[in-house]
């Protein structure tokens, strides 16, 4: 007897399903747009406010999240080519008694531009 074969969409994690909502919310918050295909096409990143910022969005239900140089290089190259500032947004979903939260990773020059101060 064979087991039940689940469709791919039912095998995905909660974080996978939340990521689309995360991208839509980020786009609305900054007045930008979601990038079709989430960067799988020529235009990289997940959310963009043209000429201002390019965002790579990640959602996780894990206790930790690893930021890699490759991840930062990808969003930096895409943003800087278009004259935009690169930003990585990581949303931790509530789990194990923790409330979750949003963290932002960006180059120091982005903070300097926003605050006009050195880090």
PDB file of N, CA and C in Angstrom:
ATOM      1  N   UNK A   1       0.846  -1.179   0.000  1.00  0.00           N
ATOM      2  CA  UNK A   1       0.000   0.000   0.000  1.00  0.00           C
ATOM      3  C   UNK A   1       0.890   1.242   0.000  1.00  0.00           C
ATOM      4  N   UNK A   2       0.542   2.179  -0.804  1.00  0.00           N
ATOM      5  CA  UNK A   2       1.326   3.420  -0.911  1.00  0.00           C
ATOM      6  C   UNK A   2       0.771   4.480   0.031  1.00  0.00           C
ATOM      7  N   UNK A   3       1.676   5.358   0.462  1.00  0.00           N
ATOM      8  CA  UNK A   3       1.275   6.465   1.307  1.00  0.00           C
ATOM      9  C   UNK A   3       0.626   7.575   0.493  1.00  0.00           C
ATOM     10  N   UNK A   4       0.025   8.481   1.171  1.00  0.00           N
ATOM     11  CA  UNK A   4      -0.618   9.619   0.520  1.00  0.00           C
ATOM     12  C   UNK A   4       0.458  10.581   0.026  1.00  0.00           C
ATOM     13  N   UNK A   5       0.336  10.996  -1.199  1.00  0.00           N
ATOM     14  CA  UNK A   5       1.290  11.948  -1.767  1.00  0.00           C
ATOM     15  C   UNK A   5       0.714  13.348  -1.613  1.00  0.00           C
ATOM     16  N   UNK A   6       1.426  14.168  -0.854  1.00  0.00           N
ATOM     17  CA  UNK A   6       0.977  15.542  -0.623  1.00  0.00           C
ATOM     18  C   UNK A   6       1.475  16.463  -1.727  1.00  0.00           C
ATOM     19  N   UNK A   7       0.651  17.424  -2.122  1.00  0.00           N
ATOM     20  CA  UNK A   7       1.124  18.415  -3.086  1.00  0.00           C
ATOM     21  C   UNK A   7       2.236  19.258  -2.452  1.00  0.00           C
ATOM     22  N   UNK A   8       3.110  19.794  -3.277  1.00  0.00           N
ATOM     23  CA  UNK A   8       4.261  20.562  -2.799  1.00  0.00           C
ATOM     24  C   UNK A   8       3.844  21.688  -1.858  1.00  0.00           C
ATOM     25  N   UNK A   9       2.749  22.379  -2.179  1.00  0.00           N
ATOM     26  CA  UNK A   9       2.317  23.525  -1.370  1.00  0.00           C
ATOM     27  C   UNK A   9       1.989  23.126   0.066  1.00  0.00           C
ATOM     28  N   UNK A  10       1.590  21.875   0.291  1.00  0.00           N
ATOM     29  CA  UNK A  10       1.277  21.414   1.642  1.00  0.00           C
ATOM     30  C   UNK A  10       2.500  20.943   2.400  1.00  0.00           C
ATOM     31  N   UNK A  11       3.615  20.769   1.704  1.00  0.00           N
ATOM     32  CA  UNK A  11       4.857  20.337   2.337  1.00  0.00           C
ATOM     33  C   UNK A  11       5.700  21.523   2.815  1.00  0.00           C
ATOM     34  N   UNK A  12       5.364  22.713   2.374  1.00  0.00           N
ATOM     35  CA  UNK A  12       6.155  23.897   2.715  1.00  0.00           C
ATOM     36  C   UNK A  12       5.947  24.284   4.181  1.00  0.00           C
ATOM     37  N   UNK A  13       6.960  24.935   4.752  1.00  0.00           N
ATOM     38  CA  UNK A  13       6.907  25.356   6.156  1.00  0.00           C
ATOM     39  C   UNK A  13       5.963  26.543   6.343  1.00  0.00           C
ATOM     40  N   UNK A  14       5.642  26.823   7.596  1.00  0.00           N
ATOM     41  CA  UNK A  14       4.829  27.995   7.928  1.00  0.00           C
ATOM     42  C   UNK A  14       5.536  29.264   7.459  1.00  0.00           C
ATOM     43  N   UNK A  15       6.847  29.302   7.641  1.00  0.00           N
ATOM     44  CA  UNK A  15       7.629  30.476   7.243  1.00  0.00           C
ATOM     45  C   UNK A  15       7.521  30.722   5.741  1.00  0.00           C
ATOM     46  N   UNK A  16       7.532  29.659   4.967  1.00  0.00           N
ATOM     47  CA  UNK A  16       7.404  29.783   3.509  1.00  0.00           C
ATOM     48  C   UNK A  16       6.082  30.471   3.156  1.00  0.00           C
ATOM     49  N   UNK A  17       5.014  30.053   3.800  1.00  0.00           N
ATOM     50  CA  UNK A  17       3.704  30.635   3.528  1.00  0.00           C
ATOM     51  C   UNK A  17       3.592  32.075   4.042  1.00  0.00           C
ATOM     52  N   UNK A  18       4.294  32.372   5.119  1.00  0.00           N
ATOM     53  CA  UNK A  18       4.272  33.727   5.678  1.00  0.00           C
ATOM     54  C   UNK A  18       5.107  34.703   4.853  1.00  0.00           C
ATOM     55  N   UNK A  19       6.080  34.198   4.100  1.00  0.00           N
ATOM     56  CA  UNK A  19       7.001  35.082   3.385  1.00  0.00           C
ATOM     57  C   UNK A  19       6.290  35.952   2.358  1.00  0.00           C
ATOM     58  N   UNK A  20       5.267  35.430   1.691  1.00  0.00           N
ATOM     59  CA  UNK A  20       4.513  36.230   0.726  1.00  0.00           C
ATOM     60  C   UNK A  20       3.801  37.377   1.435  1.00  0.00           C
ATOM     61  N   UNK A  21       3.235  37.088   2.599  1.00  0.00           N
ATOM     62  CA  UNK A  21       2.576  38.130   3.396  1.00  0.00           C
ATOM     63  C   UNK A  21       3.596  39.165   3.852  1.00  0.00           C
ATOM     64  N   UNK A  22       4.785  38.697   4.255  1.00  0.00           N
ATOM     65  CA  UNK A  22       5.845  39.593   4.701  1.00  0.00           C
ATOM     66  C   UNK A  22       6.221  40.561   3.577  1.00  0.00           C
ATOM     67  N   UNK A  23       6.432  40.037   2.377  1.00  0.00           N
ATOM     68  CA  UNK A  23       6.807  40.880   1.243  1.00  0.00           C
ATOM     69  C   UNK A  23       5.721  41.905   0.925  1.00  0.00           C
ATOM     70  N   UNK A  24       4.466  41.476   0.931  1.00  0.00           N
ATOM     71  CA  UNK A  24       3.358  42.390   0.648  1.00  0.00           C
ATOM     72  C   UNK A  24       3.275  43.491   1.698  1.00  0.00           C
ATOM     73  N   UNK A  25       3.448  43.121   2.966  1.00  0.00           N
ATOM     74  CA  UNK A  25       3.401  44.104   4.052  1.00  0.00           C
ATOM     75  C   UNK A  25       4.559  45.097   3.948  1.00  0.00           C
ATOM     76  N   UNK A  26       5.757  44.597   3.653  1.00  0.00           N
ATOM     77  CA  UNK A  26       6.911  45.491   3.499  1.00  0.00           C
ATOM     78  C   UNK A  26       6.687  46.474   2.354  1.00  0.00           C
ATOM     79  N   UNK A  27       6.190  45.969   1.233  1.00  0.00           N
ATOM     80  CA  UNK A  27       5.931  46.827   0.079  1.00  0.00           C
ATOM     81  C   UNK A  27       4.943  47.932   0.436  1.00  0.00           C
ATOM     82  N   UNK A  28       3.898  47.563   1.142  1.00  0.00           N
ATOM     83  CA  UNK A  28       2.899  48.553   1.545  1.00  0.00           C
ATOM     84  C   UNK A  28       3.485  49.566   2.526  1.00  0.00           C
ATOM     85  N   UNK A  29       4.273  49.083   3.496  1.00  0.00           N
ATOM     86  CA  UNK A  29       4.861  49.964   4.511  1.00  0.00           C
ATOM     87  C   UNK A  29       5.764  51.029   3.908  1.00  0.00           C
ATOM     88  N   UNK A  30       6.531  50.675   2.874  1.00  0.00           N
ATOM     89  CA  UNK A  30       7.477  51.639   2.306  1.00  0.00           C
ATOM     90  C   UNK A  30       6.951  52.336   1.056  1.00  0.00           C
ATOM     91  N   UNK A  31       5.761  51.945   0.613  1.00  0.00           N
ATOM     92  CA  UNK A  31       5.205  52.532  -0.601  1.00  0.00           C
ATOM     93  C   UNK A  31       5.871  51.985  -1.857  1.00  0.00           C
ATOM     94  N   UNK A  32       6.404  50.775  -1.755  1.00  0.00           N
ATOM     95  CA  UNK A  32       7.089  50.159  -2.881  1.00  0.00           C
ATOM     96  C   UNK A  32       6.273  49.048  -3.502  1.00  0.00           C
ATOM     97  N   UNK A  33       6.979  48.184  -4.235  1.00  0.00           N
ATOM     98  CA  UNK A  33       6.327  47.068  -4.920  1.00  0.00           C
ATOM     99  C   UNK A  33       7.087  45.773  -4.694  1.00  0.00           C
ATOM    100  N   UNK A  34       6.336  44.677  -4.705  1.00  0.00           N
ATOM    101  CA  UNK A  34       6.972  43.362  -4.685  1.00  0.00           C
ATOM    102  C   UNK A  34       7.601  43.116  -6.046  1.00  0.00           C
ATOM    103  N   UNK A  35       8.740  42.447  -6.050  1.00  0.00           N
ATOM    104  CA  UNK A  35       9.404  42.100  -7.303  1.00  0.00           C
ATOM    105  C   UNK A  35       8.861  40.743  -7.743  1.00  0.00           C
ATOM    106  N   UNK A  36       8.283  40.673  -8.947  1.00  0.00           N
ATOM    107  CA  UNK A  36       7.722  39.399  -9.417  1.00  0.00           C
ATOM    108  C   UNK A  36       8.782  38.294  -9.422  1.00  0.00           C
ATOM    109  N   UNK A  37       8.399  37.114  -8.961  1.00  0.00           N
ATOM    110  CA  UNK A  37       9.319  35.980  -8.947  1.00  0.00           C
ATOM    111  C   UNK A  37      10.321  36.028  -7.817  1.00  0.00           C
ATOM    112  N   UNK A  38      10.175  36.990  -6.903  1.00  0.00           N
ATOM    113  CA  UNK A  38      11.073  37.120  -5.749  1.00  0.00           C
ATOM    114  C   UNK A  38      12.544  36.974  -6.106  1.00  0.00           C
ATOM    115  N   UNK A  39      12.966  37.615  -7.165  1.00  0.00           N
ATOM    116  CA  UNK A  39      14.379  37.633  -7.505  1.00  0.00           C
ATOM    117  C   UNK A  39      14.851  36.474  -8.352  1.00  0.00           C
ATOM    118  N   UNK A  40      13.945  35.579  -8.762  1.00  0.00           N
ATOM    119  CA  UNK A  40      14.366  34.442  -9.582  1.00  0.00           C
ATOM    120  C   UNK A  40      14.562  34.850 -11.042  1.00  0.00           C
ATOM    121  N   UNK A  41      14.173  36.056 -11.369  1.00  0.00           N
ATOM    122  CA  UNK A  41      14.348  36.573 -12.728  1.00  0.00           C
ATOM    123  C   UNK A  41      15.496  37.568 -12.727  1.00  0.00           C
ATOM    124  N   UNK A  42      15.561  38.397 -13.759  1.00  0.00           N
ATOM    125  CA  UNK A  42      16.665  39.347 -13.888  1.00  0.00           C
ATOM    126  C   UNK A  42      16.689  40.370 -12.751  1.00  0.00           C
ATOM    127  N   UNK A  43      15.529  40.794 -12.294  1.00  0.00           N
ATOM    128  CA  UNK A  43      15.431  41.780 -11.221  1.00  0.00           C
ATOM    129  C   UNK A  43      15.523  41.054  -9.876  1.00  0.00           C
ATOM    130  N   UNK A  44      16.556  41.338  -9.103  1.00  0.00           N
ATOM    131  CA  UNK A  44      16.812  40.624  -7.838  1.00  0.00           C
ATOM    132  C   UNK A  44      16.212  41.356  -6.642  1.00  0.00           C
ATOM    133  N   UNK A  45      15.970  40.608  -5.590  1.00  0.00           N
ATOM    134  CA  UNK A  45      15.382  41.146  -4.371  1.00  0.00           C
ATOM    135  C   UNK A  45      13.919  40.763  -4.282  1.00  0.00           C
ATOM    136  N   UNK A  46      13.268  41.171  -3.193  1.00  0.00           N
ATOM    137  CA  UNK A  46      11.863  40.834  -2.986  1.00  0.00           C
ATOM    138  C   UNK A  46      10.947  42.051  -3.041  1.00  0.00           C
ATOM    139  N   UNK A  47      11.445  43.187  -2.539  1.00  0.00           N
ATOM    140  CA  UNK A  47      10.653  44.413  -2.492  1.00  0.00           C
ATOM    141  C   UNK A  47      11.533  45.562  -2.941  1.00  0.00           C
ATOM    142  N   UNK A  48      10.926  46.508  -3.649  1.00  0.00           N
ATOM    143  CA  UNK A  48      11.710  47.624  -4.178  1.00  0.00           C
ATOM    144  C   UNK A  48      10.914  48.920  -4.126  1.00  0.00           C
ATOM    145  N   UNK A  49      11.583  49.968  -3.693  1.00  0.00           N
ATOM    146  CA  UNK A  49      11.090  51.326  -3.866  1.00  0.00           C
ATOM    147  C   UNK A  49      12.100  51.943  -4.821  1.00  0.00           C
ATOM    148  N   UNK A  50      11.733  52.016  -6.085  1.00  0.00           N
ATOM    149  CA  UNK A  50      12.647  52.378  -7.165  1.00  0.00           C
ATOM    150  C   UNK A  50      13.449  53.641  -6.841  1.00  0.00           C
ATOM    151  N   UNK A  51      14.769  53.522  -7.009  1.00  0.00           N
ATOM    152  CA  UNK A  51      15.667  54.646  -6.775  1.00  0.00           C
ATOM    153  C   UNK A  51      16.001  54.898  -5.314  1.00  0.00           C
ATOM    154  N   UNK A  52      15.374  54.157  -4.407  1.00  0.00           N
ATOM    155  CA  UNK A  52      15.576  54.385  -2.973  1.00  0.00           C
ATOM    156  C   UNK A  52      16.158  53.156  -2.274  1.00  0.00           C
ATOM    157  N   UNK A  53      15.427  52.038  -2.283  1.00  0.00           N
ATOM    158  CA  UNK A  53      15.827  50.862  -1.506  1.00  0.00           C
ATOM    159  C   UNK A  53      15.435  49.567  -2.222  1.00  0.00           C
ATOM    160  N   UNK A  54      16.267  48.539  -2.032  1.00  0.00           N
ATOM    161  CA  UNK A  54      15.981  47.183  -2.533  1.00  0.00           C
ATOM    162  C   UNK A  54      16.061  46.265  -1.328  1.00  0.00           C
ATOM    163  N   UNK A  55      15.017  45.496  -1.082  1.00  0.00           N
ATOM    164  CA  UNK A  55      14.934  44.666   0.122  1.00  0.00           C
ATOM    165  C   UNK A  55      14.908  43.181  -0.230  1.00  0.00           C
ATOM    166  N   UNK A  56      15.748  42.432   0.469  1.00  0.00           N
ATOM    167  CA  UNK A  56      15.680  40.970   0.451  1.00  0.00           C
ATOM    168  C   UNK A  56      14.983  40.593   1.752  1.00  0.00           C
ATOM    169  N   UNK A  57      13.849  39.905   1.668  1.00  0.00           N
ATOM    170  CA  UNK A  57      13.055  39.571   2.841  1.00  0.00           C
ATOM    171  C   UNK A  57      13.169  38.089   3.163  1.00  0.00           C
ATOM    172  N   UNK A  58      13.358  37.785   4.439  1.00  0.00           N
ATOM    173  CA  UNK A  58      13.450  36.402   4.907  1.00  0.00           C
ATOM    174  C   UNK A  58      12.536  36.232   6.110  1.00  0.00           C
ATOM    175  N   UNK A  59      11.888  35.081   6.183  1.00  0.00           N
ATOM    176  CA  UNK A  59      11.028  34.748   7.317  1.00  0.00           C
ATOM    177  C   UNK A  59      11.468  33.389   7.849  1.00  0.00           C
ATOM    178  N   UNK A  60      11.569  33.267   9.175  1.00  0.00           N
ATOM    179  CA  UNK A  60      11.979  31.988   9.755  1.00  0.00           C
ATOM    180  C   UNK A  60      11.226  31.720  11.045  1.00  0.00           C
ATOM    181  N   UNK A  61      10.991  30.437  11.286  1.00  0.00           N
ATOM    182  CA  UNK A  61      10.421  30.028  12.570  1.00  0.00           C
ATOM    183  C   UNK A  61      11.490  29.371  13.431  1.00  0.00           C
ATOM    184  N   UNK A  62      12.727  29.369  12.935  1.00  0.00           N
ATOM    185  CA  UNK A  62      13.857  28.792  13.667  1.00  0.00           C
ATOM    186  C   UNK A  62      14.323  29.730  14.779  1.00  0.00           C
ATOM    187  N   UNK A  63      15.162  29.202  15.677  1.00  0.00           N
ATOM    188  CA  UNK A  63      15.709  30.003  16.774  1.00  0.00           C
ATOM    189  C   UNK A  63      16.803  30.942  16.297  1.00  0.00           C
ATOM    190  N   UNK A  64      17.385  30.636  15.139  1.00  0.00           N
ATOM    191  CA  UNK A  64      18.460  31.485  14.627  1.00  0.00           C
ATOM    192  C   UNK A  64      18.361  31.585  13.110  1.00  0.00           C
ATOM    193  N   UNK A  65      19.055  32.561  12.577  1.00  0.00           N
ATOM    194  CA  UNK A  65      19.079  32.774  11.133  1.00  0.00           C
ATOM    195  C   UNK A  65      20.491  33.194  10.753  1.00  0.00           C
ATOM    196  N   UNK A  66      21.064  32.546   9.761  1.00  0.00           N
ATOM    197  CA  UNK A  66      22.424  32.859   9.337  1.00  0.00           C
ATOM    198  C   UNK A  66      22.400  33.827   8.165  1.00  0.00           C
ATOM    199  N   UNK A  67      23.086  34.933   8.337  1.00  0.00           N
ATOM    200  CA  UNK A  67      23.255  35.896   7.256  1.00  0.00           C
ATOM    201  C   UNK A  67      24.588  35.573   6.590  1.00  0.00           C
ATOM    202  N   UNK A  68      24.546  35.315   5.296  1.00  0.00           N
ATOM    203  CA  UNK A  68      25.764  34.948   4.582  1.00  0.00           C
ATOM    204  C   UNK A  68      26.277  36.093   3.722  1.00  0.00           C
ATOM    205  N   UNK A  69      27.556  36.069   3.435  1.00  0.00           N
ATOM    206  CA  UNK A  69      28.164  37.058   2.551  1.00  0.00           C
ATOM    207  C   UNK A  69      27.504  36.997   1.174  1.00  0.00           C
ATOM    208  N   UNK A  70      27.220  35.779   0.700  1.00  0.00           N
ATOM    209  CA  UNK A  70      26.581  35.603  -0.608  1.00  0.00           C
ATOM    210  C   UNK A  70      25.219  36.318  -0.659  1.00  0.00           C
ATOM    211  N   UNK A  71      24.455  36.193   0.408  1.00  0.00           N
ATOM    212  CA  UNK A  71      23.145  36.833   0.505  1.00  0.00           C
ATOM    213  C   UNK A  71      23.291  38.361   0.435  1.00  0.00           C
ATOM    214  N   UNK A  72      24.250  38.879   1.197  1.00  0.00           N
ATOM    215  CA  UNK A  72      24.471  40.331   1.225  1.00  0.00           C
ATOM    216  C   UNK A  72      25.028  40.837  -0.103  1.00  0.00           C
ATOM    217  N   UNK A  73      25.935  40.074  -0.711  1.00  0.00           N
ATOM    218  CA  UNK A  73      26.491  40.475  -2.003  1.00  0.00           C
ATOM    219  C   UNK A  73      25.411  40.547  -3.073  1.00  0.00           C
ATOM    220  N   UNK A  74      24.493  39.578  -3.058  1.00  0.00           N
ATOM    221  CA  UNK A  74      23.428  39.528  -4.065  1.00  0.00           C
ATOM    222  C   UNK A  74      22.531  40.767  -3.987  1.00  0.00           C
ATOM    223  N   UNK A  75      22.069  41.104  -2.790  1.00  0.00           N
ATOM    224  CA  UNK A  75      21.170  42.256  -2.666  1.00  0.00           C
ATOM    225  C   UNK A  75      21.930  43.562  -2.852  1.00  0.00           C
ATOM    226  N   UNK A  76      23.188  43.598  -2.418  1.00  0.00           N
ATOM    227  CA  UNK A  76      24.002  44.804  -2.597  1.00  0.00           C
ATOM    228  C   UNK A  76      24.238  45.094  -4.071  1.00  0.00           C
ATOM    229  N   UNK A  77      24.612  44.068  -4.831  1.00  0.00           N
ATOM    230  CA  UNK A  77      24.872  44.251  -6.262  1.00  0.00           C
ATOM    231  C   UNK A  77      23.620  44.720  -6.987  1.00  0.00           C
ATOM    232  N   UNK A  78      22.486  44.108  -6.681  1.00  0.00           N
ATOM    233  CA  UNK A  78      21.231  44.482  -7.332  1.00  0.00           C
ATOM    234  C   UNK A  78      20.841  45.920  -7.000  1.00  0.00           C
ATOM    235  N   UNK A  79      20.971  46.280  -5.730  1.00  0.00           N
ATOM    236  CA  UNK A  79      20.576  47.621  -5.298  1.00  0.00           C
ATOM    237  C   UNK A  79      21.504  48.693  -5.843  1.00  0.00           C
ATOM    238  N   UNK A  80      22.790  48.485  -5.684  1.00  0.00           N
ATOM    239  CA  UNK A  80      23.752  49.514  -6.069  1.00  0.00           C
ATOM    240  C   UNK A  80      23.769  49.761  -7.570  1.00  0.00           C
ATOM    241  N   UNK A  81      23.517  48.722  -8.366  1.00  0.00           N
ATOM    242  CA  UNK A  81      23.431  48.881  -9.818  1.00  0.00           C
ATOM    243  C   UNK A  81      22.289  49.824 -10.188  1.00  0.00           C
ATOM    244  N   UNK A  82      21.226  49.822  -9.402  1.00  0.00           N
ATOM    245  CA  UNK A  82      20.058  50.661  -9.672  1.00  0.00           C
ATOM    246  C   UNK A  82      20.076  51.965  -8.868  1.00  0.00           C
ATOM    247  N   UNK A  83      21.186  52.230  -8.159  1.00  0.00           N
ATOM    248  CA  UNK A  83      21.265  53.449  -7.346  1.00  0.00           C
ATOM    249  C   UNK A  83      20.386  53.384  -6.105  1.00  0.00           C
ATOM    250  N   UNK A  84      20.168  52.177  -5.594  1.00  0.00           N
ATOM    251  CA  UNK A  84      19.327  51.981  -4.415  1.00  0.00           C
ATOM    252  C   UNK A  84      20.173  51.497  -3.239  1.00  0.00           C
ATOM    253  N   UNK A  85      19.599  51.529  -2.055  1.00  0.00           N
ATOM    254  CA  UNK A  85      20.290  51.069  -0.864  1.00  0.00           C
ATOM    255  C   UNK A  85      19.846  49.642  -0.541  1.00  0.00           C
ATOM    256  N   UNK A  86      20.805  48.739  -0.288  1.00  0.00           N
ATOM    257  CA  UNK A  86      20.463  47.351  -0.007  1.00  0.00           C
ATOM    258  C   UNK A  86      20.066  47.125   1.450  1.00  0.00           C
ATOM    259  N   UNK A  87      19.010  46.347   1.645  1.00  0.00           N
ATOM    260  CA  UNK A  87      18.535  46.048   2.991  1.00  0.00           C
ATOM    261  C   UNK A  87      18.080  44.588   3.043  1.00  0.00           C
ATOM    262  N   UNK A  88      18.438  43.913   4.123  1.00  0.00           N
ATOM    263  CA  UNK A  88      17.966  42.560   4.394  1.00  0.00           C
ATOM    264  C   UNK A  88      17.040  42.649   5.596  1.00  0.00           C
ATOM    265  N   UNK A  89      15.817  42.159   5.455  1.00  0.00           N
ATOM    266  CA  UNK A  89      14.850  42.160   6.546  1.00  0.00           C
ATOM    267  C   UNK A  89      14.585  40.710   6.933  1.00  0.00           C
ATOM    268  N   UNK A  90      14.777  40.397   8.224  1.00  0.00           N
ATOM    269  CA  UNK A  90      14.546  39.042   8.724  1.00  0.00           C
ATOM    270  C   UNK A  90      13.426  39.101   9.751  1.00  0.00           C
ATOM    271  N   UNK A  91      12.358  38.375   9.482  1.00  0.00           N
ATOM    272  CA  UNK A  91      11.248  38.269  10.425  1.00  0.00           C
ATOM    273  C   UNK A  91      11.323  36.922  11.124  1.00  0.00           C
ATOM    274  N   UNK A  92      11.386  36.953  12.452  1.00  0.00           N
ATOM    275  CA  UNK A  92      11.314  35.737  13.259  1.00  0.00           C
ATOM    276  C   UNK A  92       9.858  35.550  13.660  1.00  0.00           C
ATOM    277  N   UNK A  93       9.305  34.399  13.322  1.00  0.00           N
ATOM    278  CA  UNK A  93       7.928  34.105  13.685  1.00  0.00           C
ATOM    279  C   UNK A  93       7.853  33.727  15.161  1.00  0.00           C
ATOM    280  N   UNK A  94       6.726  34.009  15.825  1.00  0.00           N
ATOM    281  CA  UNK A  94       6.577  33.609  17.211  1.00  0.00           C
ATOM    282  C   UNK A  94       6.732  32.095  17.352  1.00  0.00           C
ATOM    283  N   UNK A  95       7.539  31.675  18.330  1.00  0.00           N
ATOM    284  CA  UNK A  95       7.749  30.237  18.559  1.00  0.00           C
ATOM    285  C   UNK A  95       8.398  30.024  19.914  1.00  0.00           C
ATOM    286  N   UNK A  96       8.070  28.938  20.558  1.00  0.00           N
ATOM    287  CA  UNK A  96       8.722  28.542  21.801  1.00  0.00           C
ATOM    288  C   UNK A  96       8.717  29.603  22.877  1.00  0.00           C
ATOM    289  N   UNK A  97       7.635  30.333  23.010  1.00  0.00           N
ATOM    290  CA  UNK A  97       7.552  31.354  24.046  1.00  0.00           C
ATOM    291  C   UNK A  97       8.113  32.708  23.648  1.00  0.00           C
ATOM    292  N   UNK A  98       8.747  32.792  22.486  1.00  0.00           N
ATOM    293  CA  UNK A  98       9.264  34.077  22.010  1.00  0.00           C
ATOM    294  C   UNK A  98       8.228  34.752  21.130  1.00  0.00           C
ATOM    295  N   UNK A  99       8.169  36.067  21.201  1.00  0.00           N
ATOM    296  CA  UNK A  99       7.170  36.815  20.453  1.00  0.00           C
ATOM    297  C   UNK A  99       7.503  36.960  18.975  1.00  0.00           C
ATOM    298  N   UNK A 100       8.734  36.705  18.619  1.00  0.00           N
ATOM    299  CA  UNK A 100       9.148  36.957  17.237  1.00  0.00           C
ATOM    300  C   UNK A 100       9.646  38.378  17.124  1.00  0.00           C
ATOM    301  N   UNK A 101       9.855  38.838  15.928  1.00  0.00           N
ATOM    302  CA  UNK A 101      10.308  40.210  15.736  1.00  0.00           C
ATOM    303  C   UNK A 101      10.967  40.388  14.392  1.00  0.00           C
ATOM    304  N   UNK A 102      11.197  41.629  14.047  1.00  0.00           N
ATOM    305  CA  UNK A 102      11.805  41.990  12.767  1.00  0.00           C
ATOM    306  C   UNK A 102      13.165  42.639  13.015  1.00  0.00           C
ATOM    307  N   UNK A 103      14.142  42.171  12.248  1.00  0.00           N
ATOM    308  CA  UNK A 103      15.480  42.732  12.315  1.00  0.00           C
ATOM    309  C   UNK A 103      15.914  43.144  10.922  1.00  0.00           C
ATOM    310  N   UNK A 104      16.652  44.227  10.859  1.00  0.00           N
ATOM    311  CA  UNK A 104      17.095  44.784   9.584  1.00  0.00           C
ATOM    312  C   UNK A 104      18.618  44.798   9.547  1.00  0.00           C
ATOM    313  N   UNK A 105      19.174  44.326   8.432  1.00  0.00           N
ATOM    314  CA  UNK A 105      20.622  44.332   8.215  1.00  0.00           C
ATOM    315  C   UNK A 105      20.876  45.212   7.006  1.00  0.00           C
ATOM    316  N   UNK A 106      21.765  46.174   7.173  1.00  0.00           N
ATOM    317  CA  UNK A 106      22.112  47.050   6.058  1.00  0.00           C
ATOM    318  C   UNK A 106      23.547  47.562   6.241  1.00  0.00           C
ATOM    319  N   UNK A 107      24.153  48.031   5.156  1.00  0.00           N
ATOM    320  CA  UNK A 107      25.497  48.591   5.281  1.00  0.00           C
ATOM    321  C   UNK A 107      25.484  49.844   6.168  1.00  0.00           C
ATOM    322  N   UNK A 108      26.590  50.120   6.815  1.00  0.00           N
ATOM    323  CA  UNK A 108      26.686  51.277   7.707  1.00  0.00           C
ATOM    324  C   UNK A 108      26.395  52.581   6.972  1.00  0.00           C
ATOM    325  N   UNK A 109      26.732  52.657   5.677  1.00  0.00           N
ATOM    326  CA  UNK A 109      26.488  53.909   4.951  1.00  0.00           C
ATOM    327  C   UNK A 109      24.994  54.217   4.832  1.00  0.00           C
ATOM    328  N   UNK A 110      24.145  53.212   4.909  1.00  0.00           N
ATOM    329  CA  UNK A 110      22.698  53.455   4.871  1.00  0.00           C
ATOM    330  C   UNK A 110      22.269  54.169   6.149  1.00  0.00           C
ATOM    331  N   UNK A 111      22.779  53.715   7.299  1.00  0.00           N
ATOM    332  CA  UNK A 111      22.472  54.374   8.575  1.00  0.00           C
ATOM    333  C   UNK A 111      23.017  55.799   8.562  1.00  0.00           C
ATOM    334  N   UNK A 112      24.223  55.973   8.043  1.00  0.00           N
ATOM    335  CA  UNK A 112      24.827  57.304   7.955  1.00  0.00           C
ATOM    336  C   UNK A 112      23.945  58.224   7.111  1.00  0.00           C
ATOM    337  N   UNK A 113      23.445  57.705   6.006  1.00  0.00           N
ATOM    338  CA  UNK A 113      22.575  58.513   5.127  1.00  0.00           C
ATOM    339  C   UNK A 113      21.284  58.924   5.849  1.00  0.00           C
ATOM    340  N   UNK A 114      20.712  57.997   6.609  1.00  0.00           N
ATOM    341  CA  UNK A 114      19.454  58.262   7.293  1.00  0.00           C
ATOM    342  C   UNK A 114      19.648  59.230   8.459  1.00  0.00           C
ATOM    343  N   UNK A 115      20.721  59.020   9.237  1.00  0.00           N
ATOM    344  CA  UNK A 115      20.906  59.788  10.476  1.00  0.00           C
ATOM    345  C   UNK A 115      21.925  60.907  10.366  1.00  0.00           C
ATOM    346  N   UNK A 116      22.709  60.896   9.289  1.00  0.00           N
ATOM    347  CA  UNK A 116      23.801  61.840   9.098  1.00  0.00           C
ATOM    348  C   UNK A 116      24.826  61.755  10.237  1.00  0.00           C
ATOM    349  N   UNK A 117      25.092  60.509  10.682  1.00  0.00           N
ATOM    350  CA  UNK A 117      26.108  60.297  11.712  1.00  0.00           C
ATOM    351  C   UNK A 117      26.900  59.052  11.365  1.00  0.00           C
ATOM    352  N   UNK A 118      28.117  58.960  11.885  1.00  0.00           N
ATOM    353  CA  UNK A 118      28.975  57.806  11.637  1.00  0.00           C
ATOM    354  C   UNK A 118      28.691  56.712  12.661  1.00  0.00           C
ATOM    355  N   UNK A 119      28.868  55.474  12.229  1.00  0.00           N
ATOM    356  CA  UNK A 119      28.764  54.333  13.146  1.00  0.00           C
ATOM    357  C   UNK A 119      30.134  53.796  13.416  1.00  0.00           C
TER     358      UNK A 119
END
